[in-house]
Amino acid sequence: MPHTGAVSHPDAPIRLGQFLKLVSLAESGGHARALLDDGAVTVNGEPETRRGRQLRPGDVVEVDLPGGVQRATVEL
């Protein structure tokens, strides 16, 4: 089940593709790329297509999955 709350990551910043896998919103790097290519990912409410986007504490990532929109927040 995907993570829907806040996630601490000690090595901030973290890349979006890594974060999607860390919080189980993507099963693999390829799945993360497909989600981004399909326009299913937003960061802080803005559409995002770059897997290498650097995330910082406080960023909110949402992914539109078949089961509904899932959200995770980057924290220190």
PDB file of N, CA and C in Angstrom:
ATOM      1  N   MET A   1       0.842  -1.185   0.000  1.00  0.00           N
ATOM      2  CA  MET A   1       0.000   0.000   0.000  1.00  0.00           C
ATOM      3  C   MET A   1       0.876   1.233   0.000  1.00  0.00           C
ATOM      4  N   PRO A   2       0.595   2.210  -0.861  1.00  0.00           N
ATOM      5  CA  PRO A   2       1.413   3.419  -0.926  1.00  0.00           C
ATOM      6  C   PRO A   2       1.368   4.216   0.367  1.00  0.00           C
ATOM      7  N   HIS A   3       2.449   4.909   0.639  1.00  0.00           N
ATOM      8  CA  HIS A   3       2.545   5.789   1.792  1.00  0.00           C
ATOM      9  C   HIS A   3       1.740   7.041   1.507  1.00  0.00           C
ATOM     10  N   THR A   4       0.955   7.493   2.456  1.00  0.00           N
ATOM     11  CA  THR A   4       0.128   8.680   2.218  1.00  0.00           C
ATOM     12  C   THR A   4       0.420   9.807   3.187  1.00  0.00           C
ATOM     13  N   GLY A   5       1.460   9.684   3.991  1.00  0.00           N
ATOM     14  CA  GLY A   5       1.777  10.725   4.958  1.00  0.00           C
ATOM     15  C   GLY A   5       3.121  11.349   4.697  1.00  0.00           C
ATOM     16  N   ALA A   6       3.757  11.812   5.769  1.00  0.00           N
ATOM     17  CA  ALA A   6       5.049  12.470   5.663  1.00  0.00           C
ATOM     18  C   ALA A   6       6.168  11.436   5.721  1.00  0.00           C
ATOM     19  N   VAL A   7       7.233  11.697   4.980  1.00  0.00           N
ATOM     20  CA  VAL A   7       8.386  10.803   4.947  1.00  0.00           C
ATOM     21  C   VAL A   7       9.637  11.598   5.243  1.00  0.00           C
ATOM     22  N   SER A   8      10.401  11.130   6.211  1.00  0.00           N
ATOM     23  CA  SER A   8      11.670  11.773   6.525  1.00  0.00           C
ATOM     24  C   SER A   8      12.747  11.209   5.617  1.00  0.00           C
ATOM     25  N   HIS A   9      13.611  12.074   5.150  1.00  0.00           N
ATOM     26  CA  HIS A   9      14.736  11.630   4.329  1.00  0.00           C
ATOM     27  C   HIS A   9      15.955  12.416   4.773  1.00  0.00           C
ATOM     28  N   PRO A  10      16.931  11.751   5.371  1.00  0.00           N
ATOM     29  CA  PRO A  10      18.075  12.447   5.959  1.00  0.00           C
ATOM     30  C   PRO A  10      19.009  13.093   4.945  1.00  0.00           C
ATOM     31  N   ASP A  11      18.984  12.653   3.715  1.00  0.00           N
ATOM     32  CA  ASP A  11      19.914  13.164   2.714  1.00  0.00           C
ATOM     33  C   ASP A  11      19.234  14.124   1.750  1.00  0.00           C
ATOM     34  N   ALA A  12      18.449  15.070   2.281  1.00  0.00           N
ATOM     35  CA  ALA A  12      17.772  16.037   1.425  1.00  0.00           C
ATOM     36  C   ALA A  12      18.831  16.867   0.710  1.00  0.00           C
ATOM     37  N   PRO A  13      18.664  17.266  -0.520  1.00  0.00           N
ATOM     38  CA  PRO A  13      17.479  16.972  -1.322  1.00  0.00           C
ATOM     39  C   PRO A  13      17.509  15.556  -1.894  1.00  0.00           C
ATOM     40  N   ILE A  14      16.346  15.093  -2.296  1.00  0.00           N
ATOM     41  CA  ILE A  14      16.196  13.784  -2.913  1.00  0.00           C
ATOM     42  C   ILE A  14      15.544  13.991  -4.273  1.00  0.00           C
ATOM     43  N   ARG A  15      15.874  13.165  -5.231  1.00  0.00           N
ATOM     44  CA  ARG A  15      15.288  13.279  -6.566  1.00  0.00           C
ATOM     45  C   ARG A  15      13.888  12.668  -6.566  1.00  0.00           C
ATOM     46  N   LEU A  16      13.033  13.234  -7.397  1.00  0.00           N
ATOM     47  CA  LEU A  16      11.635  12.822  -7.448  1.00  0.00           C
ATOM     48  C   LEU A  16      11.479  11.330  -7.747  1.00  0.00           C
ATOM     49  N   GLY A  17      12.219  10.812  -8.721  1.00  0.00           N
ATOM     50  CA  GLY A  17      12.119   9.395  -9.059  1.00  0.00           C
ATOM     51  C   GLY A  17      12.461   8.500  -7.873  1.00  0.00           C
ATOM     52  N   GLN A  18      13.503   8.869  -7.118  1.00  0.00           N
ATOM     53  CA  GLN A  18      13.889   8.111  -5.935  1.00  0.00           C
ATOM     54  C   GLN A  18      12.793   8.180  -4.877  1.00  0.00           C
ATOM     55  N   PHE A  19      12.236   9.357  -4.693  1.00  0.00           N
ATOM     56  CA  PHE A  19      11.199   9.555  -3.684  1.00  0.00           C
ATOM     57  C   PHE A  19       9.960   8.740  -4.002  1.00  0.00           C
ATOM     58  N   LEU A  20       9.561   8.714  -5.264  1.00  0.00           N
ATOM     59  CA  LEU A  20       8.380   7.937  -5.653  1.00  0.00           C
ATOM     60  C   LEU A  20       8.557   6.463  -5.301  1.00  0.00           C
ATOM     61  N   LYS A  21       9.776   5.940  -5.500  1.00  0.00           N
ATOM     62  CA  LYS A  21      10.046   4.548  -5.149  1.00  0.00           C
ATOM     63  C   LYS A  21      10.108   4.374  -3.633  1.00  0.00           C
ATOM     64  N   LEU A  22      10.745   5.306  -2.928  1.00  0.00           N
ATOM     65  CA  LEU A  22      10.891   5.225  -1.475  1.00  0.00           C
ATOM     66  C   LEU A  22       9.544   5.134  -0.759  1.00  0.00           C
ATOM     67  N   VAL A  23       8.566   5.890  -1.236  1.00  0.00           N
ATOM     68  CA  VAL A  23       7.253   5.920  -0.577  1.00  0.00           C
ATOM     69  C   VAL A  23       6.256   4.970  -1.240  1.00  0.00           C
ATOM     70  N   SER A  24       6.746   4.114  -2.115  1.00  0.00           N
ATOM     71  CA  SER A  24       5.932   3.082  -2.784  1.00  0.00           C
ATOM     72  C   SER A  24       4.811   3.652  -3.653  1.00  0.00           C
ATOM     73  N   LEU A  25       5.033   4.836  -4.201  1.00  0.00           N
ATOM     74  CA  LEU A  25       4.089   5.378  -5.183  1.00  0.00           C
ATOM     75  C   LEU A  25       4.450   4.895  -6.579  1.00  0.00           C
ATOM     76  N   ALA A  26       5.672   4.390  -6.739  1.00  0.00           N
ATOM     77  CA  ALA A  26       6.118   3.768  -7.988  1.00  0.00           C
ATOM     78  C   ALA A  26       6.837   2.479  -7.622  1.00  0.00           C
ATOM     79  N   GLU A  27       6.617   1.448  -8.415  1.00  0.00           N
ATOM     80  CA  GLU A  27       7.221   0.136  -8.152  1.00  0.00           C
ATOM     81  C   GLU A  27       8.687   0.067  -8.574  1.00  0.00           C
ATOM     82  N   SER A  28       9.061   0.899  -9.534  1.00  0.00           N
ATOM     83  CA  SER A  28      10.422   0.866 -10.068  1.00  0.00           C
ATOM     84  C   SER A  28      10.715   2.213 -10.725  1.00  0.00           C
ATOM     85  N   GLY A  29      11.964   2.373 -11.164  1.00  0.00           N
ATOM     86  CA  GLY A  29      12.319   3.588 -11.885  1.00  0.00           C
ATOM     87  C   GLY A  29      11.537   3.727 -13.177  1.00  0.00           C
ATOM     88  N   GLY A  30      11.301   2.605 -13.853  1.00  0.00           N
ATOM     89  CA  GLY A  30      10.524   2.621 -15.090  1.00  0.00           C
ATOM     90  C   GLY A  30       9.076   3.019 -14.840  1.00  0.00           C
ATOM     91  N   HIS A  31       8.520   2.540 -13.745  1.00  0.00           N
ATOM     92  CA  HIS A  31       7.152   2.898 -13.387  1.00  0.00           C
ATOM     93  C   HIS A  31       7.077   4.384 -13.045  1.00  0.00           C
ATOM     94  N   ALA A  32       8.079   4.898 -12.330  1.00  0.00           N
ATOM     95  CA  ALA A  32       8.129   6.325 -12.011  1.00  0.00           C
ATOM     96  C   ALA A  32       8.157   7.148 -13.301  1.00  0.00           C
ATOM     97  N   ARG A  33       8.985   6.741 -14.261  1.00  0.00           N
ATOM     98  CA  ARG A  33       9.080   7.445 -15.547  1.00  0.00           C
ATOM     99  C   ARG A  33       7.728   7.438 -16.254  1.00  0.00           C
ATOM    100  N   ALA A  34       7.035   6.292 -16.247  1.00  0.00           N
ATOM    101  CA  ALA A  34       5.728   6.192 -16.898  1.00  0.00           C
ATOM    102  C   ALA A  34       4.710   7.121 -16.240  1.00  0.00           C
ATOM    103  N   LEU A  35       4.714   7.181 -14.912  1.00  0.00           N
ATOM    104  CA  LEU A  35       3.800   8.083 -14.207  1.00  0.00           C
ATOM    105  C   LEU A  35       4.072   9.534 -14.584  1.00  0.00           C
ATOM    106  N   LEU A  36       5.347   9.893 -14.649  1.00  0.00           N
ATOM    107  CA  LEU A  36       5.728  11.263 -15.011  1.00  0.00           C
ATOM    108  C   LEU A  36       5.350  11.566 -16.457  1.00  0.00           C
ATOM    109  N   ASP A  37       5.608  10.626 -17.353  1.00  0.00           N
ATOM    110  CA  ASP A  37       5.265  10.814 -18.770  1.00  0.00           C
ATOM    111  C   ASP A  37       3.761  10.954 -18.981  1.00  0.00           C
ATOM    112  N   ASP A  38       2.973  10.265 -18.140  1.00  0.00           N
ATOM    113  CA  ASP A  38       1.515  10.304 -18.256  1.00  0.00           C
ATOM    114  C   ASP A  38       0.904  11.551 -17.616  1.00  0.00           C
ATOM    115  N   GLY A  39       1.729  12.382 -16.964  1.00  0.00           N
ATOM    116  CA  GLY A  39       1.211  13.584 -16.315  1.00  0.00           C
ATOM    117  C   GLY A  39       0.465  13.298 -15.024  1.00  0.00           C
ATOM    118  N   ALA A  40       0.790  12.175 -14.386  1.00  0.00           N
ATOM    119  CA  ALA A  40       0.079  11.763 -13.175  1.00  0.00           C
ATOM    120  C   ALA A  40       0.700  12.309 -11.895  1.00  0.00           C
ATOM    121  N   VAL A  41       1.817  13.059 -12.006  1.00  0.00           N
ATOM    122  CA  VAL A  41       2.545  13.506 -10.820  1.00  0.00           C
ATOM    123  C   VAL A  41       2.514  15.030 -10.722  1.00  0.00           C
ATOM    124  N   THR A  42       2.238  15.520  -9.499  1.00  0.00           N
ATOM    125  CA  THR A  42       2.363  16.953  -9.229  1.00  0.00           C
ATOM    126  C   THR A  42       3.268  17.138  -8.016  1.00  0.00           C
ATOM    127  N   VAL A  43       3.975  18.250  -8.001  1.00  0.00           N
ATOM    128  CA  VAL A  43       4.786  18.637  -6.852  1.00  0.00           C
ATOM    129  C   VAL A  43       4.307  20.022  -6.441  1.00  0.00           C
ATOM    130  N   ASN A  44       3.843  20.127  -5.216  1.00  0.00           N
ATOM    131  CA  ASN A  44       3.300  21.385  -4.691  1.00  0.00           C
ATOM    132  C   ASN A  44       2.199  21.926  -5.595  1.00  0.00           C
ATOM    133  N   GLY A  45       1.384  21.010  -6.135  1.00  0.00           N
ATOM    134  CA  GLY A  45       0.241  21.392  -6.949  1.00  0.00           C
ATOM    135  C   GLY A  45       0.535  21.685  -8.405  1.00  0.00           C
ATOM    136  N   GLU A  46       1.794  21.615  -8.812  1.00  0.00           N
ATOM    137  CA  GLU A  46       2.194  21.890 -10.192  1.00  0.00           C
ATOM    138  C   GLU A  46       2.568  20.590 -10.902  1.00  0.00           C
ATOM    139  N   PRO A  47       2.118  20.384 -12.141  1.00  0.00           N
ATOM    140  CA  PRO A  47       2.501  19.171 -12.888  1.00  0.00           C
ATOM    141  C   PRO A  47       4.022  19.071 -13.010  1.00  0.00           C
ATOM    142  N   GLU A  48       4.530  17.857 -12.883  1.00  0.00           N
ATOM    143  CA  GLU A  48       5.975  17.637 -12.977  1.00  0.00           C
ATOM    144  C   GLU A  48       6.252  16.442 -13.867  1.00  0.00           C
ATOM    145  N   THR A  49       7.236  16.591 -14.767  1.00  0.00           N
ATOM    146  CA  THR A  49       7.606  15.513 -15.682  1.00  0.00           C
ATOM    147  C   THR A  49       9.072  15.110 -15.546  1.00  0.00           C
ATOM    148  N   ARG A  50       9.831  15.787 -14.682  1.00  0.00           N
ATOM    149  CA  ARG A  50      11.272  15.516 -14.550  1.00  0.00           C
ATOM    150  C   ARG A  50      11.532  14.546 -13.400  1.00  0.00           C
ATOM    151  N   ARG A  51      12.023  13.363 -13.728  1.00  0.00           N
ATOM    152  CA  ARG A  51      12.335  12.363 -12.718  1.00  0.00           C
ATOM    153  C   ARG A  51      13.459  12.851 -11.804  1.00  0.00           C
ATOM    154  N   GLY A  52      14.351  13.677 -12.313  1.00  0.00           N
ATOM    155  CA  GLY A  52      15.483  14.183 -11.545  1.00  0.00           C
ATOM    156  C   GLY A  52      15.195  15.434 -10.744  1.00  0.00           C
ATOM    157  N   ARG A  53      13.957  15.886 -10.714  1.00  0.00           N
ATOM    158  CA  ARG A  53      13.593  17.080  -9.943  1.00  0.00           C
ATOM    159  C   ARG A  53      14.030  16.905  -8.489  1.00  0.00           C
ATOM    160  N   GLN A  54      14.720  17.910  -7.962  1.00  0.00           N
ATOM    161  CA  GLN A  54      15.188  17.864  -6.578  1.00  0.00           C
ATOM    162  C   GLN A  54      14.050  18.268  -5.645  1.00  0.00           C
ATOM    163  N   LEU A  55      13.752  17.405  -4.676  1.00  0.00           N
ATOM    164  CA  LEU A  55      12.726  17.703  -3.684  1.00  0.00           C
ATOM    165  C   LEU A  55      13.386  18.183  -2.407  1.00  0.00           C
ATOM    166  N   ARG A  56      12.702  19.055  -1.708  1.00  0.00           N
ATOM    167  CA  ARG A  56      13.200  19.604  -0.456  1.00  0.00           C
ATOM    168  C   ARG A  56      12.155  19.404   0.631  1.00  0.00           C
ATOM    169  N   PRO A  57      12.563  19.511   1.892  1.00  0.00           N
ATOM    170  CA  PRO A  57      11.581  19.366   2.975  1.00  0.00           C
ATOM    171  C   PRO A  57      10.393  20.313   2.785  1.00  0.00           C
ATOM    172  N   GLY A  58       9.213  19.784   2.997  1.00  0.00           N
ATOM    173  CA  GLY A  58       7.984  20.551   2.831  1.00  0.00           C
ATOM    174  C   GLY A  58       7.313  20.351   1.492  1.00  0.00           C
ATOM    175  N   ASP A  59       8.040  19.812   0.509  1.00  0.00           N
ATOM    176  CA  ASP A  59       7.429  19.551  -0.794  1.00  0.00           C
ATOM    177  C   ASP A  59       6.362  18.471  -0.654  1.00  0.00           C
ATOM    178  N   VAL A  60       5.243  18.673  -1.356  1.00  0.00           N
ATOM    179  CA  VAL A  60       4.140  17.726  -1.346  1.00  0.00           C
ATOM    180  C   VAL A  60       4.037  17.107  -2.738  1.00  0.00           C
ATOM    181  N   VAL A  61       4.152  15.782  -2.794  1.00  0.00           N
ATOM    182  CA  VAL A  61       4.086  15.045  -4.060  1.00  0.00           C
ATOM    183  C   VAL A  61       2.753  14.301  -4.094  1.00  0.00           C
ATOM    184  N   GLU A  62       2.010  14.476  -5.180  1.00  0.00           N
ATOM    185  CA  GLU A  62       0.763  13.756  -5.379  1.00  0.00           C
ATOM    186  C   GLU A  62       0.848  12.964  -6.676  1.00  0.00           C
ATOM    187  N   VAL A  63       0.315  11.738  -6.638  1.00  0.00           N
ATOM    188  CA  VAL A  63       0.311  10.873  -7.814  1.00  0.00           C
ATOM    189  C   VAL A  63      -1.107  10.373  -8.018  1.00  0.00           C
ATOM    190  N   ASP A  64      -1.612  10.545  -9.238  1.00  0.00           N
ATOM    191  CA  ASP A  64      -2.951  10.081  -9.593  1.00  0.00           C
ATOM    192  C   ASP A  64      -2.844   8.623 -10.026  1.00  0.00           C
ATOM    193  N   LEU A  65      -3.173   7.718  -9.109  1.00  0.00           N
ATOM    194  CA  LEU A  65      -3.099   6.283  -9.355  1.00  0.00           C
ATOM    195  C   LEU A  65      -4.502   5.736  -9.600  1.00  0.00           C
ATOM    196  N   PRO A  66      -4.621   4.519 -10.159  1.00  0.00           N
ATOM    197  CA  PRO A  66      -5.941   3.941 -10.413  1.00  0.00           C
ATOM    198  C   PRO A  66      -6.835   3.892  -9.165  1.00  0.00           C
ATOM    199  N   GLY A  67      -6.247   3.719  -7.980  1.00  0.00           N
ATOM    200  CA  GLY A  67      -7.027   3.665  -6.747  1.00  0.00           C
ATOM    201  C   GLY A  67      -7.339   5.022  -6.158  1.00  0.00           C
ATOM    202  N   GLY A  68      -6.915   6.085  -6.819  1.00  0.00           N
ATOM    203  CA  GLY A  68      -7.134   7.446  -6.318  1.00  0.00           C
ATOM    204  C   GLY A  68      -5.825   8.173  -6.130  1.00  0.00           C
ATOM    205  N   VAL A  69      -5.918   9.446  -5.834  1.00  0.00           N
ATOM    206  CA  VAL A  69      -4.728  10.281  -5.659  1.00  0.00           C
ATOM    207  C   VAL A  69      -4.069   9.938  -4.326  1.00  0.00           C
ATOM    208  N   GLN A  70      -2.749   9.710  -4.371  1.00  0.00           N
ATOM    209  CA  GLN A  70      -1.952   9.435  -3.179  1.00  0.00           C
ATOM    210  C   GLN A  70      -0.999  10.598  -2.969  1.00  0.00           C
ATOM    211  N   ARG A  71      -0.752  10.943  -1.697  1.00  0.00           N
ATOM    212  CA  ARG A  71       0.082  12.112  -1.372  1.00  0.00           C
ATOM    213  C   ARG A  71       1.162  11.712  -0.372  1.00  0.00           C
ATOM    214  N   ALA A  72       2.352  12.314  -0.532  1.00  0.00           N
ATOM    215  CA  ALA A  72       3.438  12.149   0.434  1.00  0.00           C
ATOM    216  C   ALA A  72       4.174  13.478   0.545  1.00  0.00           C
ATOM    217  N   THR A  73       4.626  13.795   1.743  1.00  0.00           N
ATOM    218  CA  THR A  73       5.335  15.043   2.021  1.00  0.00           C
ATOM    219  C   THR A  73       6.760  14.738   2.439  1.00  0.00           C
ATOM    220  N   VAL A  74       7.721  15.491   1.917  1.00  0.00           N
ATOM    221  CA  VAL A  74       9.122  15.341   2.297  1.00  0.00           C
ATOM    222  C   VAL A  74       9.356  16.123   3.581  1.00  0.00           C
ATOM    223  N   GLU A  75       9.941  15.461   4.582  1.00  0.00           N
ATOM    224  CA  GLU A  75      10.286  16.123   5.851  1.00  0.00           C
ATOM    225  C   GLU A  75      11.721  15.845   6.195  1.00  0.00           C
ATOM    226  N   LEU A  76      12.286  16.667   7.077  1.00  0.00           N
ATOM    227  CA  LEU A  76      13.630  16.426   7.593  1.00  0.00           C
ATOM    228  C   LEU A  76      13.597  15.323   8.614  1.00  0.00           C
TER     229      LEU A  76
END
